[in-house]
Amino acid sequence: MTEPQILFEDNHVLVAVKPAGILAQADGSDAKDILTIIKDYIKVRDNKPGNVFLGLIHRLDRNVEGVMVFAKTSKAASRISEQVRKHEVNKKYRAVVNGTFKQQSGRMSYYLVKDKKNNVSSVYKNDPHKKDAKLSSLSYEVLADADYKGKRISLVDINLETGRSHQIRSFMSYEGHPLLGDFKYNDRTYKGDICLQSYLIGFKHPISGDYSEYRLPMKQEAPWDIFGGLN
Protein backbone atom coordinates (compact mmCIF):
# COMPACT_ATOMS: atom_id res chain seq x y z
CA MET A 1 0.00 0.00 0.00
CA THR A 2 1.29 3.44 -0.95
CA GLU A 3 1.19 5.86 2.00
CA PRO A 4 0.38 9.41 0.89
CA GLN A 5 1.95 12.50 2.46
CA ILE A 6 -0.94 13.99 4.44
CA LEU A 7 -0.50 17.53 5.79
CA PHE A 8 -3.88 17.82 7.55
CA GLU A 9 -6.92 15.65 8.10
CA ASP A 10 -10.11 15.78 10.14
CA ASN A 11 -13.63 14.43 9.64
CA HIS A 12 -14.36 16.92 6.86
CA VAL A 13 -11.25 17.67 4.80
CA LEU A 14 -7.90 16.15 3.92
CA VAL A 15 -4.87 18.05 2.60
CA ALA A 16 -2.17 15.99 0.91
CA VAL A 17 0.82 16.27 -1.41
CA LYS A 18 0.53 15.02 -4.97
CA PRO A 19 3.98 13.95 -6.19
CA ALA A 20 5.16 14.82 -9.69
CA GLY A 21 4.35 12.03 -12.15
CA ILE A 22 1.11 11.03 -10.40
CA LEU A 23 -2.30 11.89 -11.88
CA ALA A 24 -4.78 13.91 -9.82
CA GLN A 25 -7.52 11.41 -10.71
CA ALA A 26 -7.84 8.28 -12.83
CA ASP A 27 -7.91 8.81 -16.60
CA GLY A 28 -8.86 5.30 -17.71
CA SER A 29 -5.28 4.10 -18.00
CA ASP A 30 -3.29 2.02 -15.52
CA ALA A 31 -1.38 5.10 -14.29
CA LYS A 32 -1.46 5.84 -10.57
CA ASP A 33 -3.60 8.73 -9.33
CA ILE A 34 -3.53 10.47 -5.97
CA LEU A 35 -7.30 10.30 -5.43
CA THR A 36 -7.29 6.49 -5.60
CA ILE A 37 -4.08 6.24 -3.58
CA ILE A 38 -5.62 8.21 -0.71
CA LYS A 39 -8.93 6.32 -0.88
CA ASP A 40 -7.13 2.97 -0.71
CA TYR A 41 -4.97 4.21 2.15
CA ILE A 42 -7.97 5.37 4.21
CA LYS A 43 -9.86 2.14 3.52
CA VAL A 44 -7.01 0.02 4.89
CA ARG A 45 -6.00 2.40 7.69
CA ASP A 46 -9.51 2.77 9.06
CA ASN A 47 -10.67 -0.74 8.13
CA LYS A 48 -13.63 0.73 6.24
CA PRO A 49 -16.13 -1.56 4.49
CA GLY A 50 -17.38 -0.51 1.08
CA ASN A 51 -16.25 2.55 -0.86
CA VAL A 52 -14.49 5.52 0.71
CA PHE A 53 -15.93 8.94 -0.17
CA LEU A 54 -13.30 11.49 -1.13
CA GLY A 55 -14.26 14.51 -3.20
CA LEU A 56 -11.83 15.93 -5.74
CA ILE A 57 -12.00 19.74 -5.45
CA HIS A 58 -9.34 20.80 -7.97
CA ARG A 59 -6.66 19.31 -10.21
CA LEU A 60 -2.94 19.54 -10.85
CA ASP A 61 -1.03 18.58 -13.99
CA ARG A 62 0.46 15.11 -13.85
CA ASN A 63 4.06 16.35 -13.90
CA VAL A 64 3.54 18.98 -11.19
CA GLU A 65 4.10 18.41 -7.47
CA GLY A 66 1.74 20.22 -5.16
CA VAL A 67 -0.62 20.58 -2.23
CA MET A 68 -4.20 19.46 -2.85
CA VAL A 69 -7.34 19.61 -0.71
CA PHE A 70 -9.95 16.84 -0.76
CA ALA A 71 -13.41 16.68 0.83
CA LYS A 72 -14.39 13.79 3.07
CA THR A 73 -18.12 14.59 3.00
CA SER A 74 -20.51 15.84 0.32
CA LYS A 75 -21.26 18.95 2.42
CA ALA A 76 -17.56 19.80 2.64
CA ALA A 77 -17.15 19.19 -1.11
CA SER A 78 -20.01 21.58 -1.90
CA ARG A 79 -18.76 24.34 0.40
CA ILE A 80 -15.11 24.23 -0.70
CA SER A 81 -16.15 24.00 -4.36
CA GLU A 82 -18.18 27.17 -3.83
CA GLN A 83 -15.02 28.88 -2.52
CA VAL A 84 -13.23 27.77 -5.69
CA ARG A 85 -15.99 29.21 -7.88
CA LYS A 86 -15.80 32.52 -6.01
CA HIS A 87 -11.98 32.59 -6.28
CA GLU A 88 -11.70 32.49 -2.48
CA VAL A 89 -9.23 29.59 -2.42
CA ASN A 90 -5.66 30.88 -2.36
CA LYS A 91 -3.29 28.86 -4.59
CA LYS A 92 0.32 29.87 -5.01
CA TYR A 93 3.00 28.36 -7.19
CA ARG A 94 6.74 28.67 -7.60
CA ALA A 95 8.53 28.00 -10.86
CA VAL A 96 12.03 28.02 -12.32
CA VAL A 97 11.91 29.59 -15.76
CA ASN A 98 14.26 30.54 -18.56
CA GLY A 99 15.66 34.06 -18.77
CA THR A 100 15.30 37.19 -16.68
CA PHE A 101 12.40 39.61 -16.44
CA LYS A 102 12.36 43.31 -17.26
CA GLN A 103 9.82 43.84 -14.47
CA GLN A 104 10.33 42.14 -11.11
CA SER A 105 6.59 41.84 -10.60
CA GLY A 106 3.55 42.09 -12.81
CA ARG A 107 0.33 40.61 -14.11
CA MET A 108 -0.41 38.52 -17.19
CA SER A 109 -3.90 38.36 -18.71
CA TYR A 110 -4.59 36.46 -21.94
CA TYR A 111 -7.17 34.26 -23.59
CA LEU A 112 -6.54 30.51 -23.45
CA VAL A 113 -7.86 27.87 -25.82
CA LYS A 114 -7.40 24.22 -24.84
CA ASP A 115 -6.62 21.65 -27.52
CA LYS A 116 -7.95 18.55 -25.78
CA LYS A 117 -6.70 16.17 -28.45
CA ASN A 118 -3.07 17.22 -28.06
CA ASN A 119 -3.41 18.36 -24.41
CA VAL A 120 -1.94 21.79 -25.02
CA SER A 121 -3.22 25.33 -24.40
CA SER A 122 -2.76 28.18 -26.88
CA VAL A 123 -2.41 31.80 -25.76
CA TYR A 124 -4.09 34.76 -27.49
CA LYS A 125 -3.52 38.40 -26.61
CA ASN A 126 -6.96 39.38 -27.89
CA ASP A 127 -10.25 37.50 -27.94
CA PRO A 128 -9.90 34.90 -30.73
CA HIS A 129 -13.70 34.45 -30.82
CA LYS A 130 -13.32 30.72 -30.42
CA LYS A 131 -15.98 28.81 -28.51
CA ASP A 132 -13.62 27.55 -25.82
CA ALA A 133 -11.59 30.77 -25.38
CA LYS A 134 -11.35 31.81 -21.71
CA LEU A 135 -9.88 35.02 -20.37
CA SER A 136 -7.26 34.01 -17.80
CA SER A 137 -4.90 35.89 -15.50
CA LEU A 138 -2.13 35.54 -12.95
CA SER A 139 0.27 37.78 -11.05
CA TYR A 140 3.94 37.06 -10.46
CA GLU A 141 6.97 38.19 -8.49
CA VAL A 142 10.58 37.37 -9.39
CA LEU A 143 12.35 36.15 -6.25
CA ALA A 144 15.87 35.65 -7.68
CA ASP A 145 17.84 34.88 -10.82
CA ALA A 146 21.02 32.88 -11.36
CA ASP A 147 23.29 31.20 -13.90
CA TYR A 148 22.47 27.64 -14.94
CA LYS A 149 24.55 25.82 -17.55
CA GLY A 150 25.61 29.09 -19.16
CA LYS A 151 22.10 30.58 -19.21
CA ARG A 152 20.17 32.86 -16.89
CA ILE A 153 17.19 31.40 -15.07
CA SER A 154 14.70 32.94 -12.63
CA LEU A 155 12.77 31.75 -9.60
CA VAL A 156 9.24 33.13 -9.79
CA ASP A 157 6.39 33.19 -7.27
CA ILE A 158 2.99 32.99 -8.97
CA ASN A 159 -0.53 33.74 -7.74
CA LEU A 160 -3.23 32.22 -9.92
CA GLU A 161 -6.27 34.42 -10.39
CA THR A 162 -7.92 31.82 -12.64
CA GLY A 163 -7.17 28.12 -12.73
CA ARG A 164 -7.07 27.13 -16.40
CA SER A 165 -5.36 24.06 -17.79
CA HIS A 166 -1.63 24.66 -18.37
CA GLN A 167 -2.14 28.35 -17.61
CA ILE A 168 1.22 29.02 -15.95
CA ARG A 169 3.13 26.88 -18.42
CA SER A 170 1.58 28.44 -21.52
CA PHE A 171 1.68 32.03 -20.21
CA MET A 172 5.36 31.85 -19.24
CA SER A 173 6.29 30.32 -22.58
CA TYR A 174 4.30 32.99 -24.44
CA GLU A 175 6.24 35.66 -22.54
CA GLY A 176 9.55 34.03 -23.51
CA HIS A 177 10.16 32.30 -20.18
CA PRO A 178 9.31 28.60 -20.60
CA LEU A 179 9.56 26.52 -17.45
CA LEU A 180 12.64 24.33 -17.15
CA GLY A 181 11.73 20.76 -18.02
CA ASP A 182 8.61 21.78 -19.94
CA PHE A 183 9.36 20.27 -23.34
CA LYS A 184 5.74 20.72 -24.46
CA TYR A 185 6.07 24.48 -24.06
CA ASN A 186 9.45 24.97 -25.71
CA ASP A 187 12.08 24.32 -23.03
CA ARG A 188 15.13 22.46 -24.31
CA THR A 189 17.56 23.26 -21.48
CA TYR A 190 16.61 20.77 -18.78
CA LYS A 191 15.73 17.07 -18.78
CA GLY A 192 13.69 16.31 -15.69
CA ASP A 193 10.36 17.05 -14.02
CA ILE A 194 8.74 20.35 -14.94
CA CYS A 195 10.07 22.97 -12.53
CA LEU A 196 6.69 23.97 -11.16
CA GLN A 197 5.46 23.44 -7.62
CA SER A 198 2.04 24.22 -6.21
CA TYR A 199 3.46 25.07 -2.82
CA LEU A 200 0.53 26.70 -0.98
CA ILE A 201 -3.19 26.30 -0.68
CA GLY A 202 -5.40 28.32 1.66
CA PHE A 203 -9.14 28.01 2.25
CA LYS A 204 -11.87 28.39 4.85
CA HIS A 205 -12.73 25.22 6.71
CA PRO A 206 -16.14 24.09 5.40
CA ILE A 207 -17.59 23.70 8.92
CA SER A 208 -15.75 26.09 11.25
CA GLY A 209 -15.13 28.80 8.65
CA ASP A 210 -11.57 29.27 9.93
CA TYR A 211 -9.03 30.14 7.25
CA SER A 212 -5.87 27.98 7.10
CA GLU A 213 -2.91 27.66 4.75
CA TYR A 214 -0.84 24.59 3.99
CA ARG A 215 2.51 24.74 2.23
CA LEU A 216 5.48 22.81 0.92
CA PRO A 217 9.13 23.83 1.29
CA MET A 218 11.04 24.50 -1.92
CA LYS A 219 12.74 21.46 -3.41
CA GLN A 220 16.38 20.97 -2.46
CA GLU A 221 17.49 19.50 -5.77
CA ALA A 222 18.85 20.92 -9.01
CA PRO A 223 17.99 23.39 -10.40
CA TRP A 224 15.96 24.58 -7.38
CA ASP A 225 18.93 24.39 -5.02
CA ILE A 226 20.76 27.08 -7.02
CA PHE A 227 18.55 29.58 -5.20
CA GLY A 228 19.78 28.56 -1.76
CA GLY A 229 17.44 28.76 1.20
CA LEU A 230 14.71 30.85 -0.44
CA ASN A 231 11.23 29.65 0.47
C-alpha atoms as a PDB file:
ATOM      1  CA  MET A   1       0.000   0.000   0.000  1.00  0.00           C
ATOM      2  CA  THR A   2       1.285   3.442  -0.948  1.00  0.00           C
ATOM      3  CA  GLU A   3       1.191   5.857   2.001  1.00  0.00           C
ATOM      4  CA  PRO A   4       0.383   9.415   0.886  1.00  0.00           C
ATOM      5  CA  GLN A   5       1.949  12.497   2.463  1.00  0.00           C
ATOM      6  CA  ILE A   6      -0.941  13.990   4.444  1.00  0.00           C
ATOM      7  CA  LEU A   7      -0.502  17.530   5.793  1.00  0.00           C
ATOM      8  CA  PHE A   8      -3.876  17.821   7.550  1.00  0.00           C
ATOM      9  CA  GLU A   9      -6.922  15.648   8.104  1.00  0.00           C
ATOM     10  CA  ASP A  10     -10.107  15.783  10.142  1.00  0.00           C
ATOM     11  CA  ASN A  11     -13.627  14.429   9.645  1.00  0.00           C
ATOM     12  CA  HIS A  12     -14.365  16.920   6.857  1.00  0.00           C
ATOM     13  CA  VAL A  13     -11.247  17.675   4.802  1.00  0.00           C
ATOM     14  CA  LEU A  14      -7.896  16.154   3.919  1.00  0.00           C
ATOM     15  CA  VAL A  15      -4.874  18.046   2.598  1.00  0.00           C
ATOM     16  CA  ALA A  16      -2.169  15.988   0.907  1.00  0.00           C
ATOM     17  CA  VAL A  17       0.817  16.273  -1.406  1.00  0.00           C
ATOM     18  CA  LYS A  18       0.527  15.023  -4.972  1.00  0.00           C
ATOM     19  CA  PRO A  19       3.976  13.946  -6.194  1.00  0.00           C
ATOM     20  CA  ALA A  20       5.163  14.820  -9.686  1.00  0.00           C
ATOM     21  CA  GLY A  21       4.351  12.035 -12.149  1.00  0.00           C
ATOM     22  CA  ILE A  22       1.109  11.030 -10.404  1.00  0.00           C
ATOM     23  CA  LEU A  23      -2.298  11.887 -11.884  1.00  0.00           C
ATOM     24  CA  ALA A  24      -4.782  13.913  -9.825  1.00  0.00           C
ATOM     25  CA  GLN A  25      -7.524  11.411 -10.706  1.00  0.00           C
ATOM     26  CA  ALA A  26      -7.842   8.283 -12.830  1.00  0.00           C
ATOM     27  CA  ASP A  27      -7.905   8.808 -16.596  1.00  0.00           C
ATOM     28  CA  GLY A  28      -8.863   5.302 -17.709  1.00  0.00           C
ATOM     29  CA  SER A  29      -5.276   4.105 -18.003  1.00  0.00           C
ATOM     30  CA  ASP A  30      -3.287   2.024 -15.517  1.00  0.00           C
ATOM     31  CA  ALA A  31      -1.383   5.101 -14.293  1.00  0.00           C
ATOM     32  CA  LYS A  32      -1.464   5.842 -10.569  1.00  0.00           C
ATOM     33  CA  ASP A  33      -3.600   8.726  -9.326  1.00  0.00           C
ATOM     34  CA  ILE A  34      -3.530  10.475  -5.972  1.00  0.00           C
ATOM     35  CA  LEU A  35      -7.304  10.299  -5.429  1.00  0.00           C
ATOM     36  CA  THR A  36      -7.291   6.485  -5.603  1.00  0.00           C
ATOM     37  CA  ILE A  37      -4.082   6.236  -3.583  1.00  0.00           C
ATOM     38  CA  ILE A  38      -5.623   8.211  -0.708  1.00  0.00           C
ATOM     39  CA  LYS A  39      -8.929   6.319  -0.880  1.00  0.00           C
ATOM     40  CA  ASP A  40      -7.134   2.971  -0.714  1.00  0.00           C
ATOM     41  CA  TYR A  41      -4.975   4.212   2.152  1.00  0.00           C
ATOM     42  CA  ILE A  42      -7.974   5.366   4.209  1.00  0.00           C
ATOM     43  CA  LYS A  43      -9.862   2.139   3.520  1.00  0.00           C
ATOM     44  CA  VAL A  44      -7.010   0.024   4.892  1.00  0.00           C
ATOM     45  CA  ARG A  45      -6.002   2.402   7.693  1.00  0.00           C
ATOM     46  CA  ASP A  46      -9.514   2.774   9.063  1.00  0.00           C
ATOM     47  CA  ASN A  47     -10.672  -0.742   8.132  1.00  0.00           C
ATOM     48  CA  LYS A  48     -13.629   0.726   6.238  1.00  0.00           C
ATOM     49  CA  PRO A  49     -16.132  -1.557   4.491  1.00  0.00           C
ATOM     50  CA  GLY A  50     -17.384  -0.508   1.076  1.00  0.00           C
ATOM     51  CA  ASN A  51     -16.248   2.548  -0.858  1.00  0.00           C
ATOM     52  CA  VAL A  52     -14.490   5.523   0.713  1.00  0.00           C
ATOM     53  CA  PHE A  53     -15.930   8.935  -0.171  1.00  0.00           C
ATOM     54  CA  LEU A  54     -13.304  11.489  -1.130  1.00  0.00           C
ATOM     55  CA  GLY A  55     -14.263  14.507  -3.204  1.00  0.00           C
ATOM     56  CA  LEU A  56     -11.829  15.932  -5.737  1.00  0.00           C
ATOM     57  CA  ILE A  57     -11.998  19.741  -5.448  1.00  0.00           C
ATOM     58  CA  HIS A  58      -9.343  20.797  -7.971  1.00  0.00           C
ATOM     59  CA  ARG A  59      -6.656  19.315 -10.207  1.00  0.00           C
ATOM     60  CA  LEU A  60      -2.940  19.538 -10.855  1.00  0.00           C
ATOM     61  CA  ASP A  61      -1.033  18.581 -13.995  1.00  0.00           C
ATOM     62  CA  ARG A  62       0.457  15.105 -13.849  1.00  0.00           C
ATOM     63  CA  ASN A  63       4.061  16.349 -13.903  1.00  0.00           C
ATOM     64  CA  VAL A  64       3.541  18.978 -11.188  1.00  0.00           C
ATOM     65  CA  GLU A  65       4.102  18.412  -7.472  1.00  0.00           C
ATOM     66  CA  GLY A  66       1.740  20.215  -5.162  1.00  0.00           C
ATOM     67  CA  VAL A  67      -0.620  20.584  -2.234  1.00  0.00           C
ATOM     68  CA  MET A  68      -4.197  19.456  -2.852  1.00  0.00           C
ATOM     69  CA  VAL A  69      -7.340  19.608  -0.712  1.00  0.00           C
ATOM     70  CA  PHE A  70      -9.951  16.842  -0.760  1.00  0.00           C
ATOM     71  CA  ALA A  71     -13.406  16.684   0.835  1.00  0.00           C
ATOM     72  CA  LYS A  72     -14.393  13.788   3.069  1.00  0.00           C
ATOM     73  CA  THR A  73     -18.122  14.592   2.998  1.00  0.00           C
ATOM     74  CA  SER A  74     -20.505  15.843   0.321  1.00  0.00           C
ATOM     75  CA  LYS A  75     -21.261  18.952   2.421  1.00  0.00           C
ATOM     76  CA  ALA A  76     -17.556  19.795   2.640  1.00  0.00           C
ATOM     77  CA  ALA A  77     -17.151  19.193  -1.107  1.00  0.00           C
ATOM     78  CA  SER A  78     -20.010  21.576  -1.896  1.00  0.00           C
ATOM     79  CA  ARG A  79     -18.755  24.336   0.403  1.00  0.00           C
ATOM     80  CA  ILE A  80     -15.112  24.228  -0.697  1.00  0.00           C
ATOM     81  CA  SER A  81     -16.150  24.005  -4.358  1.00  0.00           C
ATOM     82  CA  GLU A  82     -18.180  27.170  -3.830  1.00  0.00           C
ATOM     83  CA  GLN A  83     -15.021  28.881  -2.524  1.00  0.00           C
ATOM     84  CA  VAL A  84     -13.225  27.773  -5.689  1.00  0.00           C
ATOM     85  CA  ARG A  85     -15.993  29.211  -7.876  1.00  0.00           C
ATOM     86  CA  LYS A  86     -15.797  32.525  -6.007  1.00  0.00           C
ATOM     87  CA  HIS A  87     -11.981  32.588  -6.275  1.00  0.00           C
ATOM     88  CA  GLU A  88     -11.696  32.489  -2.479  1.00  0.00           C
ATOM     89  CA  VAL A  89      -9.233  29.593  -2.423  1.00  0.00           C
ATOM     90  CA  ASN A  90      -5.661  30.875  -2.362  1.00  0.00           C
ATOM     91  CA  LYS A  91      -3.294  28.857  -4.588  1.00  0.00           C
ATOM     92  CA  LYS A  92       0.318  29.871  -5.012  1.00  0.00           C
ATOM     93  CA  TYR A  93       2.998  28.358  -7.188  1.00  0.00           C
ATOM     94  CA  ARG A  94       6.743  28.668  -7.602  1.00  0.00           C
ATOM     95  CA  ALA A  95       8.529  28.002 -10.864  1.00  0.00           C
ATOM     96  CA  VAL A  96      12.030  28.018 -12.317  1.00  0.00           C
ATOM     97  CA  VAL A  97      11.911  29.590 -15.761  1.00  0.00           C
ATOM     98  CA  ASN A  98      14.263  30.535 -18.564  1.00  0.00           C
ATOM     99  CA  GLY A  99      15.657  34.055 -18.772  1.00  0.00           C
ATOM    100  CA  THR A 100      15.296  37.189 -16.676  1.00  0.00           C
ATOM    101  CA  PHE A 101      12.399  39.614 -16.438  1.00  0.00           C
ATOM    102  CA  LYS A 102      12.356  43.313 -17.262  1.00  0.00           C
ATOM    103  CA  GLN A 103       9.821  43.838 -14.471  1.00  0.00           C
ATOM    104  CA  GLN A 104      10.331  42.139 -11.111  1.00  0.00           C
ATOM    105  CA  SER A 105       6.593  41.840 -10.597  1.00  0.00           C
ATOM    106  CA  GLY A 106       3.550  42.092 -12.805  1.00  0.00           C
ATOM    107  CA  ARG A 107       0.333  40.613 -14.106  1.00  0.00           C
ATOM    108  CA  MET A 108      -0.413  38.518 -17.185  1.00  0.00           C
ATOM    109  CA  SER A 109      -3.902  38.359 -18.706  1.00  0.00           C
ATOM    110  CA  TYR A 110      -4.590  36.465 -21.943  1.00  0.00           C
ATOM    111  CA  TYR A 111      -7.167  34.261 -23.590  1.00  0.00           C
ATOM    112  CA  LEU A 112      -6.544  30.513 -23.451  1.00  0.00           C
ATOM    113  CA  VAL A 113      -7.862  27.866 -25.819  1.00  0.00           C
ATOM    114  CA  LYS A 114      -7.403  24.216 -24.843  1.00  0.00           C
ATOM    115  CA  ASP A 115      -6.615  21.653 -27.524  1.00  0.00           C
ATOM    116  CA  LYS A 116      -7.952  18.548 -25.785  1.00  0.00           C
ATOM    117  CA  LYS A 117      -6.703  16.168 -28.452  1.00  0.00           C
ATOM    118  CA  ASN A 118      -3.070  17.224 -28.062  1.00  0.00           C
ATOM    119  CA  ASN A 119      -3.412  18.357 -24.409  1.00  0.00           C
ATOM    120  CA  VAL A 120      -1.937  21.791 -25.015  1.00  0.00           C
ATOM    121  CA  SER A 121      -3.218  25.327 -24.401  1.00  0.00           C
ATOM    122  CA  SER A 122      -2.758  28.178 -26.883  1.00  0.00           C
ATOM    123  CA  VAL A 123      -2.406  31.804 -25.760  1.00  0.00           C
ATOM    124  CA  TYR A 124      -4.091  34.760 -27.494  1.00  0.00           C
ATOM    125  CA  LYS A 125      -3.523  38.404 -26.606  1.00  0.00           C
ATOM    126  CA  ASN A 126      -6.959  39.380 -27.894  1.00  0.00           C
ATOM    127  CA  ASP A 127     -10.247  37.505 -27.940  1.00  0.00           C
ATOM    128  CA  PRO A 128      -9.897  34.904 -30.734  1.00  0.00           C
ATOM    129  CA  HIS A 129     -13.695  34.452 -30.822  1.00  0.00           C
ATOM    130  CA  LYS A 130     -13.325  30.724 -30.420  1.00  0.00           C
ATOM    131  CA  LYS A 131     -15.985  28.810 -28.506  1.00  0.00           C
ATOM    132  CA  ASP A 132     -13.620  27.552 -25.817  1.00  0.00           C
ATOM    133  CA  ALA A 133     -11.589  30.771 -25.382  1.00  0.00           C
ATOM    134  CA  LYS A 134     -11.350  31.808 -21.713  1.00  0.00           C
ATOM    135  CA  LEU A 135      -9.879  35.022 -20.365  1.00  0.00           C
ATOM    136  CA  SER A 136      -7.257  34.007 -17.796  1.00  0.00           C
ATOM    137  CA  SER A 137      -4.905  35.892 -15.502  1.00  0.00           C
ATOM    138  CA  LEU A 138      -2.131  35.543 -12.948  1.00  0.00           C
ATOM    139  CA  SER A 139       0.270  37.780 -11.049  1.00  0.00           C
ATOM    140  CA  TYR A 140       3.944  37.063 -10.460  1.00  0.00           C
ATOM    141  CA  GLU A 141       6.972  38.192  -8.491  1.00  0.00           C
ATOM    142  CA  VAL A 142      10.577  37.371  -9.386  1.00  0.00           C
ATOM    143  CA  LEU A 143      12.353  36.147  -6.254  1.00  0.00           C
ATOM    144  CA  ALA A 144      15.865  35.649  -7.683  1.00  0.00           C
ATOM    145  CA  ASP A 145      17.841  34.878 -10.825  1.00  0.00           C
ATOM    146  CA  ALA A 146      21.018  32.877 -11.359  1.00  0.00           C
ATOM    147  CA  ASP A 147      23.292  31.196 -13.904  1.00  0.00           C
ATOM    148  CA  TYR A 148      22.466  27.637 -14.944  1.00  0.00           C
ATOM    149  CA  LYS A 149      24.552  25.816 -17.548  1.00  0.00           C
ATOM    150  CA  GLY A 150      25.605  29.091 -19.158  1.00  0.00           C
ATOM    151  CA  LYS A 151      22.103  30.583 -19.212  1.00  0.00           C
ATOM    152  CA  ARG A 152      20.168  32.860 -16.889  1.00  0.00           C
ATOM    153  CA  ILE A 153      17.189  31.398 -15.067  1.00  0.00           C
ATOM    154  CA  SER A 154      14.698  32.939 -12.634  1.00  0.00           C
ATOM    155  CA  LEU A 155      12.769  31.749  -9.596  1.00  0.00           C
ATOM    156  CA  VAL A 156       9.239  33.129  -9.793  1.00  0.00           C
ATOM    157  CA  ASP A 157       6.388  33.195  -7.273  1.00  0.00           C
ATOM    158  CA  ILE A 158       2.985  32.991  -8.968  1.00  0.00           C
ATOM    159  CA  ASN A 159      -0.528  33.742  -7.742  1.00  0.00           C
ATOM    160  CA  LEU A 160      -3.232  32.217  -9.923  1.00  0.00           C
ATOM    161  CA  GLU A 161      -6.273  34.424 -10.391  1.00  0.00           C
ATOM    162  CA  THR A 162      -7.915  31.821 -12.635  1.00  0.00           C
ATOM    163  CA  GLY A 163      -7.167  28.117 -12.732  1.00  0.00           C
ATOM    164  CA  ARG A 164      -7.073  27.135 -16.398  1.00  0.00           C
ATOM    165  CA  SER A 165      -5.363  24.063 -17.792  1.00  0.00           C
ATOM    166  CA  HIS A 166      -1.628  24.662 -18.370  1.00  0.00           C
ATOM    167  CA  GLN A 167      -2.140  28.352 -17.607  1.00  0.00           C
ATOM    168  CA  ILE A 168       1.221  29.022 -15.946  1.00  0.00           C
ATOM    169  CA  ARG A 169       3.131  26.880 -18.420  1.00  0.00           C
ATOM    170  CA  SER A 170       1.584  28.445 -21.523  1.00  0.00           C
ATOM    171  CA  PHE A 171       1.681  32.030 -20.213  1.00  0.00           C
ATOM    172  CA  MET A 172       5.360  31.854 -19.245  1.00  0.00           C
ATOM    173  CA  SER A 173       6.289  30.315 -22.583  1.00  0.00           C
ATOM    174  CA  TYR A 174       4.303  32.988 -24.441  1.00  0.00           C
ATOM    175  CA  GLU A 175       6.239  35.661 -22.539  1.00  0.00           C
ATOM    176  CA  GLY A 176       9.546  34.032 -23.511  1.00  0.00           C
ATOM    177  CA  HIS A 177      10.157  32.299 -20.184  1.00  0.00           C
ATOM    178  CA  PRO A 178       9.305  28.598 -20.604  1.00  0.00           C
ATOM    179  CA  LEU A 179       9.565  26.521 -17.446  1.00  0.00           C
ATOM    180  CA  LEU A 180      12.640  24.333 -17.148  1.00  0.00           C
ATOM    181  CA  GLY A 181      11.731  20.760 -18.020  1.00  0.00           C
ATOM    182  CA  ASP A 182       8.611  21.782 -19.938  1.00  0.00           C
ATOM    183  CA  PHE A 183       9.364  20.266 -23.338  1.00  0.00           C
ATOM    184  CA  LYS A 184       5.744  20.717 -24.455  1.00  0.00           C
ATOM    185  CA  TYR A 185       6.066  24.481 -24.060  1.00  0.00           C
ATOM    186  CA  ASN A 186       9.454  24.967 -25.707  1.00  0.00           C
ATOM    187  CA  ASP A 187      12.083  24.324 -23.035  1.00  0.00           C
ATOM    188  CA  ARG A 188      15.131  22.455 -24.308  1.00  0.00           C
ATOM    189  CA  THR A 189      17.559  23.261 -21.485  1.00  0.00           C
ATOM    190  CA  TYR A 190      16.613  20.769 -18.779  1.00  0.00           C
ATOM    191  CA  LYS A 191      15.727  17.074 -18.779  1.00  0.00           C
ATOM    192  CA  GLY A 192      13.687  16.310 -15.687  1.00  0.00           C
ATOM    193  CA  ASP A 193      10.363  17.054 -14.022  1.00  0.00           C
ATOM    194  CA  ILE A 194       8.742  20.352 -14.941  1.00  0.00           C
ATOM    195  CA  CYS A 195      10.068  22.974 -12.528  1.00  0.00           C
ATOM    196  CA  LEU A 196       6.689  23.969 -11.165  1.00  0.00           C
ATOM    197  CA  GLN A 197       5.457  23.435  -7.624  1.00  0.00           C
ATOM    198  CA  SER A 198       2.036  24.225  -6.214  1.00  0.00           C
ATOM    199  CA  TYR A 199       3.459  25.073  -2.817  1.00  0.00           C
ATOM    200  CA  LEU A 200       0.529  26.700  -0.981  1.00  0.00           C
ATOM    201  CA  ILE A 201      -3.194  26.304  -0.683  1.00  0.00           C
ATOM    202  CA  GLY A 202      -5.395  28.318   1.658  1.00  0.00           C
ATOM    203  CA  PHE A 203      -9.143  28.006   2.251  1.00  0.00           C
ATOM    204  CA  LYS A 204     -11.873  28.393   4.849  1.00  0.00           C
ATOM    205  CA  HIS A 205     -12.726  25.218   6.706  1.00  0.00           C
ATOM    206  CA  PRO A 206     -16.144  24.090   5.403  1.00  0.00           C
ATOM    207  CA  ILE A 207     -17.587  23.697   8.919  1.00  0.00           C
ATOM    208  CA  SER A 208     -15.752  26.095  11.254  1.00  0.00           C
ATOM    209  CA  GLY A 209     -15.134  28.798   8.646  1.00  0.00           C
ATOM    210  CA  ASP A 210     -11.574  29.273   9.934  1.00  0.00           C
ATOM    211  CA  TYR A 211      -9.026  30.136   7.249  1.00  0.00           C
ATOM    212  CA  SER A 212      -5.871  27.984   7.100  1.00  0.00           C
ATOM    213  CA  GLU A 213      -2.910  27.664   4.747  1.00  0.00           C
ATOM    214  CA  TYR A 214      -0.839  24.590   3.986  1.00  0.00           C
ATOM    215  CA  ARG A 215       2.513  24.744   2.226  1.00  0.00           C
ATOM    216  CA  LEU A 216       5.479  22.806   0.920  1.00  0.00           C
ATOM    217  CA  PRO A 217       9.134  23.827   1.288  1.00  0.00           C
ATOM    218  CA  MET A 218      11.044  24.498  -1.918  1.00  0.00           C
ATOM    219  CA  LYS A 219      12.744  21.458  -3.406  1.00  0.00           C
ATOM    220  CA  GLN A 220      16.384  20.972  -2.456  1.00  0.00           C
ATOM    221  CA  GLU A 221      17.492  19.500  -5.766  1.00  0.00           C
ATOM    222  CA  ALA A 222      18.847  20.917  -9.013  1.00  0.00           C
ATOM    223  CA  PRO A 223      17.986  23.387 -10.398  1.00  0.00           C
ATOM    224  CA  TRP A 224      15.958  24.578  -7.376  1.00  0.00           C
ATOM    225  CA  ASP A 225      18.928  24.391  -5.020  1.00  0.00           C
ATOM    226  CA  ILE A 226      20.757  27.079  -7.023  1.00  0.00           C
ATOM    227  CA  PHE A 227      18.553  29.579  -5.201  1.00  0.00           C
ATOM    228  CA  GLY A 228      19.784  28.563  -1.765  1.00  0.00           C
ATOM    229  CA  GLY A 229      17.441  28.764   1.198  1.00  0.00           C
ATOM    230  CA  LEU A 230      14.713  30.845  -0.438  1.00  0.00           C
ATOM    231  CA  ASN A 231      11.229  29.646   0.465  1.00  0.00           C
END
